[in-house]
Amino acid sequence: MKDGIHPNYRDVCFVDLSNGFQFVTRSCAPTKEKITLEDGRELPLFKLETTSETHPFYTGQQKSVDNLGGRVEKFRNKFKVGIKR
């Protein structure tokens, strides 16, 4: 393999900024900060706005558009939108 053409693939600690959830995985994500974990390892730190711990889809808090008071049916009836049979 040629030197200098491959990305820096290493262990990276990802942190969810909304609740502090941390997980370590291998990544090429560019980082400027480092974090020291409880086990003493110092890893690059990548901050995230949301993860599976806080995203509404994964936490079960997401609401379906079809269940919001019949809005979809009202729209379809008003504009006669739908599947033609």
PDB file of N, CA and C in Angstrom:
ATOM      1  N   MET A   1       0.850  -1.184   0.000  1.00  0.00           N
ATOM      2  CA  MET A   1       0.000   0.000   0.000  1.00  0.00           C
ATOM      3  C   MET A   1       0.888   1.236   0.000  1.00  0.00           C
ATOM      4  N   LYS A   2       0.413   2.268  -0.680  1.00  0.00           N
ATOM      5  CA  LYS A   2       1.166   3.513  -0.746  1.00  0.00           C
ATOM      6  C   LYS A   2       1.011   4.302   0.546  1.00  0.00           C
ATOM      7  N   ASP A   3       2.081   4.965   0.937  1.00  0.00           N
ATOM      8  CA  ASP A   3       2.044   5.810   2.125  1.00  0.00           C
ATOM      9  C   ASP A   3       1.395   7.150   1.811  1.00  0.00           C
ATOM     10  N   GLY A   4       0.650   7.688   2.796  1.00  0.00           N
ATOM     11  CA  GLY A   4       0.112   9.041   2.689  1.00  0.00           C
ATOM     12  C   GLY A   4      -1.180   9.201   1.909  1.00  0.00           C
ATOM     13  N   ILE A   5      -1.785   8.115   1.405  1.00  0.00           N
ATOM     14  CA  ILE A   5      -3.026   8.266   0.640  1.00  0.00           C
ATOM     15  C   ILE A   5      -4.243   7.726   1.379  1.00  0.00           C
ATOM     16  N   HIS A   6      -4.019   7.056   2.497  1.00  0.00           N
ATOM     17  CA  HIS A   6      -5.120   6.455   3.228  1.00  0.00           C
ATOM     18  C   HIS A   6      -5.549   7.343   4.382  1.00  0.00           C
ATOM     19  N   PRO A   7      -6.853   7.406   4.681  1.00  0.00           N
ATOM     20  CA  PRO A   7      -7.324   8.244   5.794  1.00  0.00           C
ATOM     21  C   PRO A   7      -6.877   7.680   7.141  1.00  0.00           C
ATOM     22  N   ASN A   8      -6.892   8.533   8.138  1.00  0.00           N
ATOM     23  CA  ASN A   8      -6.492   8.158   9.492  1.00  0.00           C
ATOM     24  C   ASN A   8      -7.661   7.433  10.164  1.00  0.00           C
ATOM     25  N   TYR A   9      -7.681   6.112  10.056  1.00  0.00           N
ATOM     26  CA  TYR A   9      -8.760   5.280  10.596  1.00  0.00           C
ATOM     27  C   TYR A   9      -8.369   4.819  11.984  1.00  0.00           C
ATOM     28  N   ARG A  10      -9.089   5.292  13.005  1.00  0.00           N
ATOM     29  CA  ARG A  10      -8.725   4.996  14.385  1.00  0.00           C
ATOM     30  C   ARG A  10      -9.952   5.010  15.268  1.00  0.00           C
ATOM     31  N   ASP A  11      -9.779   4.618  16.542  1.00  0.00           N
ATOM     32  CA  ASP A  11     -10.873   4.685  17.508  1.00  0.00           C
ATOM     33  C   ASP A  11     -11.194   6.155  17.786  1.00  0.00           C
ATOM     34  N   VAL A  12     -12.491   6.483  17.789  1.00  0.00           N
ATOM     35  CA  VAL A  12     -12.954   7.843  18.059  1.00  0.00           C
ATOM     36  C   VAL A  12     -14.111   7.758  19.050  1.00  0.00           C
ATOM     37  N   CYS A  13     -14.146   8.674  20.017  1.00  0.00           N
ATOM     38  CA  CYS A  13     -15.247   8.755  20.969  1.00  0.00           C
ATOM     39  C   CYS A  13     -16.255   9.779  20.463  1.00  0.00           C
ATOM     40  N   PHE A  14     -17.485   9.352  20.257  1.00  0.00           N
ATOM     41  CA  PHE A  14     -18.567  10.232  19.842  1.00  0.00           C
ATOM     42  C   PHE A  14     -19.399  10.578  21.072  1.00  0.00           C
ATOM     43  N   VAL A  15     -19.756  11.855  21.225  1.00  0.00           N
ATOM     44  CA  VAL A  15     -20.518  12.318  22.382  1.00  0.00           C
ATOM     45  C   VAL A  15     -21.760  13.047  21.896  1.00  0.00           C
ATOM     46  N   ASP A  16     -22.918  12.652  22.440  1.00  0.00           N
ATOM     47  CA  ASP A  16     -24.192  13.329  22.172  1.00  0.00           C
ATOM     48  C   ASP A  16     -24.259  14.554  23.080  1.00  0.00           C
ATOM     49  N   LEU A  17     -24.326  15.748  22.494  1.00  0.00           N
ATOM     50  CA  LEU A  17     -24.309  16.982  23.273  1.00  0.00           C
ATOM     51  C   LEU A  17     -25.583  17.203  24.082  1.00  0.00           C
ATOM     52  N   SER A  18     -26.691  16.580  23.685  1.00  0.00           N
ATOM     53  CA  SER A  18     -27.951  16.832  24.388  1.00  0.00           C
ATOM     54  C   SER A  18     -28.073  16.065  25.696  1.00  0.00           C
ATOM     55  N   ASN A  19     -27.389  14.908  25.810  1.00  0.00           N
ATOM     56  CA  ASN A  19     -27.511  14.147  27.058  1.00  0.00           C
ATOM     57  C   ASN A  19     -26.190  13.560  27.568  1.00  0.00           C
ATOM     58  N   GLY A  20     -25.098  13.766  26.841  1.00  0.00           N
ATOM     59  CA  GLY A  20     -23.796  13.282  27.294  1.00  0.00           C
ATOM     60  C   GLY A  20     -23.508  11.824  26.985  1.00  0.00           C
ATOM     61  N   PHE A  21     -24.370  11.145  26.240  1.00  0.00           N
ATOM     62  CA  PHE A  21     -24.162   9.743  25.869  1.00  0.00           C
ATOM     63  C   PHE A  21     -22.887   9.611  25.040  1.00  0.00           C
ATOM     64  N   GLN A  22     -22.032   8.652  25.394  1.00  0.00           N
ATOM     65  CA  GLN A  22     -20.773   8.442  24.690  1.00  0.00           C
ATOM     66  C   GLN A  22     -20.707   7.033  24.125  1.00  0.00           C
ATOM     67  N   PHE A  23     -20.086   6.917  22.956  1.00  0.00           N
ATOM     68  CA  PHE A  23     -19.769   5.595  22.427  1.00  0.00           C
ATOM     69  C   PHE A  23     -18.488   5.688  21.615  1.00  0.00           C
ATOM     70  N   VAL A  24     -17.757   4.589  21.587  1.00  0.00           N
ATOM     71  CA  VAL A  24     -16.482   4.535  20.881  1.00  0.00           C
ATOM     72  C   VAL A  24     -16.634   3.600  19.697  1.00  0.00           C
ATOM     73  N   THR A  25     -16.161   4.059  18.555  1.00  0.00           N
ATOM     74  CA  THR A  25     -16.147   3.241  17.347  1.00  0.00           C
ATOM     75  C   THR A  25     -14.969   3.688  16.495  1.00  0.00           C
ATOM     76  N   ARG A  26     -14.675   2.928  15.476  1.00  0.00           N
ATOM     77  CA  ARG A  26     -13.580   3.308  14.580  1.00  0.00           C
ATOM     78  C   ARG A  26     -14.127   4.225  13.507  1.00  0.00           C
ATOM     79  N   SER A  27     -13.359   5.278  13.189  1.00  0.00           N
ATOM     80  CA  SER A  27     -13.840   6.278  12.242  1.00  0.00           C
ATOM     81  C   SER A  27     -12.671   7.046  11.639  1.00  0.00           C
ATOM     82  N   CYS A  28     -12.956   7.697  10.515  1.00  0.00           N
ATOM     83  CA  CYS A  28     -12.005   8.619   9.868  1.00  0.00           C
ATOM     84  C   CYS A  28     -12.419  10.067  10.116  1.00  0.00           C
ATOM     85  N   ALA A  29     -13.412  10.290  10.975  1.00  0.00           N
ATOM     86  CA  ALA A  29     -13.938  11.636  11.222  1.00  0.00           C
ATOM     87  C   ALA A  29     -12.826  12.562  11.705  1.00  0.00           C
ATOM     88  N   PRO A  30     -12.740  13.753  11.115  1.00  0.00           N
ATOM     89  CA  PRO A  30     -11.710  14.703  11.547  1.00  0.00           C
ATOM     90  C   PRO A  30     -12.066  15.302  12.908  1.00  0.00           C
ATOM     91  N   THR A  31     -11.098  15.353  13.798  1.00  0.00           N
ATOM     92  CA  THR A  31     -11.339  15.882  15.140  1.00  0.00           C
ATOM     93  C   THR A  31     -10.196  16.809  15.543  1.00  0.00           C
ATOM     94  N   LYS A  32     -10.513  17.746  16.437  1.00  0.00           N
ATOM     95  CA  LYS A  32      -9.490  18.646  16.978  1.00  0.00           C
ATOM     96  C   LYS A  32      -9.334  18.465  18.478  1.00  0.00           C
ATOM     97  N   GLU A  33     -10.353  17.896  19.118  1.00  0.00           N
ATOM     98  CA  GLU A  33     -10.334  17.733  20.569  1.00  0.00           C
ATOM     99  C   GLU A  33     -10.066  16.287  20.942  1.00  0.00           C
ATOM    100  N   LYS A  34      -9.649  16.091  22.204  1.00  0.00           N
ATOM    101  CA  LYS A  34      -9.425  14.746  22.736  1.00  0.00           C
ATOM    102  C   LYS A  34     -10.173  14.617  24.048  1.00  0.00           C
ATOM    103  N   ILE A  35     -10.460  13.370  24.419  1.00  0.00           N
ATOM    104  CA  ILE A  35     -11.142  13.086  25.676  1.00  0.00           C
ATOM    105  C   ILE A  35     -10.439  11.900  26.335  1.00  0.00           C
ATOM    106  N   THR A  36     -10.357  11.926  27.662  1.00  0.00           N
ATOM    107  CA  THR A  36      -9.813  10.803  28.413  1.00  0.00           C
ATOM    108  C   THR A  36     -10.986  10.021  29.005  1.00  0.00           C
ATOM    109  N   LEU A  37     -11.067   8.759  28.642  1.00  0.00           N
ATOM    110  CA  LEU A  37     -12.163   7.909  29.105  1.00  0.00           C
ATOM    111  C   LEU A  37     -11.868   7.376  30.505  1.00  0.00           C
ATOM    112  N   GLU A  38     -12.873   6.753  31.103  1.00  0.00           N
ATOM    113  CA  GLU A  38     -12.737   6.211  32.459  1.00  0.00           C
ATOM    114  C   GLU A  38     -11.664   5.132  32.555  1.00  0.00           C
ATOM    115  N   ASP A  39     -11.437   4.419  31.457  1.00  0.00           N
ATOM    116  CA  ASP A  39     -10.424   3.358  31.472  1.00  0.00           C
ATOM    117  C   ASP A  39      -9.012   3.891  31.224  1.00  0.00           C
ATOM    118  N   GLY A  40      -8.870   5.217  31.079  1.00  0.00           N
ATOM    119  CA  GLY A  40      -7.562   5.834  30.924  1.00  0.00           C
ATOM    120  C   GLY A  40      -7.136   6.097  29.494  1.00  0.00           C
ATOM    121  N   ARG A  41      -7.900   5.604  28.518  1.00  0.00           N
ATOM    122  CA  ARG A  41      -7.545   5.835  27.114  1.00  0.00           C
ATOM    123  C   ARG A  41      -7.822   7.286  26.736  1.00  0.00           C
ATOM    124  N   GLU A  42      -6.941   7.885  25.960  1.00  0.00           N
ATOM    125  CA  GLU A  42      -7.161   9.220  25.418  1.00  0.00           C
ATOM    126  C   GLU A  42      -7.499   9.062  23.941  1.00  0.00           C
ATOM    127  N   LEU A  43      -8.705   9.479  23.571  1.00  0.00           N
ATOM    128  CA  LEU A  43      -9.192   9.300  22.205  1.00  0.00           C
ATOM    129  C   LEU A  43      -9.610  10.636  21.606  1.00  0.00           C
ATOM    130  N   PRO A  44      -9.598  10.716  20.276  1.00  0.00           N
ATOM    131  CA  PRO A  44     -10.151  11.902  19.622  1.00  0.00           C
ATOM    132  C   PRO A  44     -11.645  12.013  19.945  1.00  0.00           C
ATOM    133  N   LEU A  45     -12.147  13.245  20.072  1.00  0.00           N
ATOM    134  CA  LEU A  45     -13.539  13.491  20.446  1.00  0.00           C
ATOM    135  C   LEU A  45     -14.292  14.101  19.281  1.00  0.00           C
ATOM    136  N   PHE A  46     -15.460  13.530  18.957  1.00  0.00           N
ATOM    137  CA  PHE A  46     -16.331  14.060  17.911  1.00  0.00           C
ATOM    138  C   PHE A  46     -17.688  14.326  18.548  1.00  0.00           C
ATOM    139  N   LYS A  47     -18.148  15.579  18.501  1.00  0.00           N
ATOM    140  CA  LYS A  47     -19.405  15.969  19.140  1.00  0.00           C
ATOM    141  C   LYS A  47     -20.552  15.892  18.136  1.00  0.00           C
ATOM    142  N   LEU A  48     -21.686  15.317  18.594  1.00  0.00           N
ATOM    143  CA  LEU A  48     -22.870  15.159  17.758  1.00  0.00           C
ATOM    144  C   LEU A  48     -24.055  15.896  18.377  1.00  0.00           C
ATOM    145  N   GLU A  49     -24.940  16.413  17.546  1.00  0.00           N
ATOM    146  CA  GLU A  49     -26.157  17.069  18.022  1.00  0.00           C
ATOM    147  C   GLU A  49     -27.169  16.054  18.529  1.00  0.00           C
ATOM    148  N   THR A  50     -27.267  14.916  17.838  1.00  0.00           N
ATOM    149  CA  THR A  50     -28.228  13.885  18.232  1.00  0.00           C
ATOM    150  C   THR A  50     -27.687  12.514  17.853  1.00  0.00           C
ATOM    151  N   THR A  51     -28.067  11.517  18.625  1.00  0.00           N
ATOM    152  CA  THR A  51     -27.703  10.125  18.340  1.00  0.00           C
ATOM    153  C   THR A  51     -28.959   9.280  18.461  1.00  0.00           C
ATOM    154  N   SER A  52     -28.795   7.981  18.391  1.00  0.00           N
ATOM    155  CA  SER A  52     -29.947   7.094  18.540  1.00  0.00           C
ATOM    156  C   SER A  52     -30.533   7.176  19.943  1.00  0.00           C
ATOM    157  N   GLU A  53     -29.786   7.680  20.906  1.00  0.00           N
ATOM    158  CA  GLU A  53     -30.282   7.827  22.279  1.00  0.00           C
ATOM    159  C   GLU A  53     -31.271   8.981  22.411  1.00  0.00           C
ATOM    160  N   THR A  54     -31.202   9.969  21.524  1.00  0.00           N
ATOM    161  CA  THR A  54     -32.065  11.146  21.653  1.00  0.00           C
ATOM    162  C   THR A  54     -32.936  11.423  20.438  1.00  0.00           C
ATOM    163  N   HIS A  55     -32.711  10.750  19.312  1.00  0.00           N
ATOM    164  CA  HIS A  55     -33.507  11.013  18.111  1.00  0.00           C
ATOM    165  C   HIS A  55     -34.921  10.471  18.295  1.00  0.00           C
ATOM    166  N   PRO A  56     -35.943  11.271  17.957  1.00  0.00           N
ATOM    167  CA  PRO A  56     -37.333  10.848  18.163  1.00  0.00           C
ATOM    168  C   PRO A  56     -37.702   9.530  17.486  1.00  0.00           C
ATOM    169  N   PHE A  57     -37.123   9.230  16.342  1.00  0.00           N
ATOM    170  CA  PHE A  57     -37.445   7.984  15.651  1.00  0.00           C
ATOM    171  C   PHE A  57     -37.032   6.783  16.490  1.00  0.00           C
ATOM    172  N   TYR A  58     -35.860   6.829  17.095  1.00  0.00           N
ATOM    173  CA  TYR A  58     -35.339   5.700  17.860  1.00  0.00           C
ATOM    174  C   TYR A  58     -35.890   5.640  19.279  1.00  0.00           C
ATOM    175  N   THR A  59     -36.323   6.770  19.826  1.00  0.00           N
ATOM    176  CA  THR A  59     -36.841   6.777  21.195  1.00  0.00           C
ATOM    177  C   THR A  59     -38.338   6.521  21.255  1.00  0.00           C
ATOM    178  N   GLY A  60     -39.015   6.474  20.093  1.00  0.00           N
ATOM    179  CA  GLY A  60     -40.451   6.222  20.066  1.00  0.00           C
ATOM    180  C   GLY A  60     -41.291   7.469  20.253  1.00  0.00           C
ATOM    181  N   GLN A  61     -40.678   8.643  20.222  1.00  0.00           N
ATOM    182  CA  GLN A  61     -41.406   9.893  20.417  1.00  0.00           C
ATOM    183  C   GLN A  61     -41.899  10.507  19.110  1.00  0.00           C
ATOM    184  N   GLN A  62     -41.474   9.955  17.971  1.00  0.00           N
ATOM    185  CA  GLN A  62     -41.863  10.500  16.680  1.00  0.00           C
ATOM    186  C   GLN A  62     -43.335  10.210  16.417  1.00  0.00           C
ATOM    187  N   LYS A  63     -44.027  11.196  15.889  1.00  0.00           N
ATOM    188  CA  LYS A  63     -45.442  11.038  15.591  1.00  0.00           C
ATOM    189  C   LYS A  63     -45.641  10.908  14.092  1.00  0.00           C
ATOM    190  N   SER A  64     -46.512  10.036  13.709  1.00  0.00           N
ATOM    191  CA  SER A  64     -46.812   9.841  12.306  1.00  0.00           C
ATOM    192  C   SER A  64     -47.737  10.943  11.816  1.00  0.00           C
ATOM    193  N   VAL A  65     -47.521  11.379  10.586  1.00  0.00           N
ATOM    194  CA  VAL A  65     -48.354  12.433  10.012  1.00  0.00           C
ATOM    195  C   VAL A  65     -49.785  11.952   9.842  1.00  0.00           C
ATOM    196  N   ASP A  66     -49.977  10.679   9.570  1.00  0.00           N
ATOM    197  CA  ASP A  66     -51.317  10.133   9.358  1.00  0.00           C
ATOM    198  C   ASP A  66     -52.159  10.121  10.636  1.00  0.00           C
ATOM    199  N   ASN A  67     -51.520  10.190  11.792  1.00  0.00           N
ATOM    200  CA  ASN A  67     -52.248  10.112  13.053  1.00  0.00           C
ATOM    201  C   ASN A  67     -52.535  11.478  13.679  1.00  0.00           C
ATOM    202  N   LEU A  68     -52.277  12.546  12.977  1.00  0.00           N
ATOM    203  CA  LEU A  68     -52.456  13.883  13.539  1.00  0.00           C
ATOM    204  C   LEU A  68     -53.833  14.444  13.191  1.00  0.00           C
ATOM    205  N   GLY A  69     -54.846  13.878  13.731  1.00  0.00           N
ATOM    206  CA  GLY A  69     -56.198  14.411  13.597  1.00  0.00           C
ATOM    207  C   GLY A  69     -56.787  14.362  12.203  1.00  0.00           C
ATOM    208  N   GLY A  70     -56.383  13.418  11.389  1.00  0.00           N
ATOM    209  CA  GLY A  70     -56.952  13.278  10.053  1.00  0.00           C
ATOM    210  C   GLY A  70     -56.545  14.362   9.082  1.00  0.00           C
ATOM    211  N   ARG A  71     -55.423  15.009   9.291  1.00  0.00           N
ATOM    212  CA  ARG A  71     -54.977  16.089   8.415  1.00  0.00           C
ATOM    213  C   ARG A  71     -54.741  15.607   6.990  1.00  0.00           C
ATOM    214  N   VAL A  72     -54.203  14.416   6.861  1.00  0.00           N
ATOM    215  CA  VAL A  72     -53.931  13.880   5.532  1.00  0.00           C
ATOM    216  C   VAL A  72     -55.245  13.633   4.790  1.00  0.00           C
ATOM    217  N   GLU A  73     -56.208  13.057   5.472  1.00  0.00           N
ATOM    218  CA  GLU A  73     -57.506  12.802   4.841  1.00  0.00           C
ATOM    219  C   GLU A  73     -58.207  14.107   4.477  1.00  0.00           C
ATOM    220  N   LYS A  74     -58.127  15.112   5.329  1.00  0.00           N
ATOM    221  CA  LYS A  74     -58.715  16.421   5.015  1.00  0.00           C
ATOM    222  C   LYS A  74     -58.081  17.010   3.768  1.00  0.00           C
ATOM    223  N   PHE A  75     -56.763  16.899   3.668  1.00  0.00           N
ATOM    224  CA  PHE A  75     -56.054  17.408   2.499  1.00  0.00           C
ATOM    225  C   PHE A  75     -56.482  16.661   1.242  1.00  0.00           C
ATOM    226  N   ARG A  76     -56.514  15.343   1.339  1.00  0.00           N
ATOM    227  CA  ARG A  76     -56.893  14.544   0.172  1.00  0.00           C
ATOM    228  C   ARG A  76     -58.321  14.857  -0.268  1.00  0.00           C
ATOM    229  N   ASN A  77     -59.228  15.026   0.674  1.00  0.00           N
ATOM    230  CA  ASN A  77     -60.612  15.343   0.329  1.00  0.00           C
ATOM    231  C   ASN A  77     -60.735  16.734  -0.261  1.00  0.00           C
ATOM    232  N   LYS A  78     -59.996  17.682   0.270  1.00  0.00           N
ATOM    233  CA  LYS A  78     -60.079  19.061  -0.198  1.00  0.00           C
ATOM    234  C   LYS A  78     -59.542  19.204  -1.617  1.00  0.00           C
ATOM    235  N   PHE A  79     -58.445  18.546  -1.913  1.00  0.00           N
ATOM    236  CA  PHE A  79     -57.806  18.700  -3.211  1.00  0.00           C
ATOM    237  C   PHE A  79     -57.970  17.475  -4.102  1.00  0.00           C
ATOM    238  N   LYS A  80     -58.754  16.522  -3.663  1.00  0.00           N
ATOM    239  CA  LYS A  80     -59.030  15.306  -4.427  1.00  0.00           C
ATOM    240  C   LYS A  80     -57.730  14.616  -4.849  1.00  0.00           C
ATOM    241  N   VAL A  81     -56.811  14.510  -3.883  1.00  0.00           N
ATOM    242  CA  VAL A  81     -55.522  13.867  -4.119  1.00  0.00           C
ATOM    243  C   VAL A  81     -55.608  12.436  -3.623  1.00  0.00           C
ATOM    244  N   GLY A  82     -55.123  11.556  -4.394  1.00  0.00           N
ATOM    245  CA  GLY A  82     -55.129  10.166  -3.962  1.00  0.00           C
ATOM    246  C   GLY A  82     -54.834   9.250  -5.121  1.00  0.00           C
ATOM    247  N   ILE A  83     -54.938   7.979  -4.843  1.00  0.00           N
ATOM    248  CA  ILE A  83     -54.692   6.983  -5.867  1.00  0.00           C
ATOM    249  C   ILE A  83     -55.939   6.803  -6.705  1.00  0.00           C
ATOM    250  N   LYS A  84     -55.792   6.941  -8.002  1.00  0.00           N
ATOM    251  CA  LYS A  84     -56.930   6.758  -8.911  1.00  0.00           C
ATOM    252  C   LYS A  84     -57.060   5.283  -9.233  1.00  0.00           C
ATOM    253  N   ARG A  85     -58.261   4.788  -9.124  1.00  0.00           N
ATOM    254  CA  ARG A  85     -58.487   3.368  -9.398  1.00  0.00           C
ATOM    255  C   ARG A  85     -59.353   3.194 -10.595  1.00  0.00           C
TER     256      ARG A  85
END
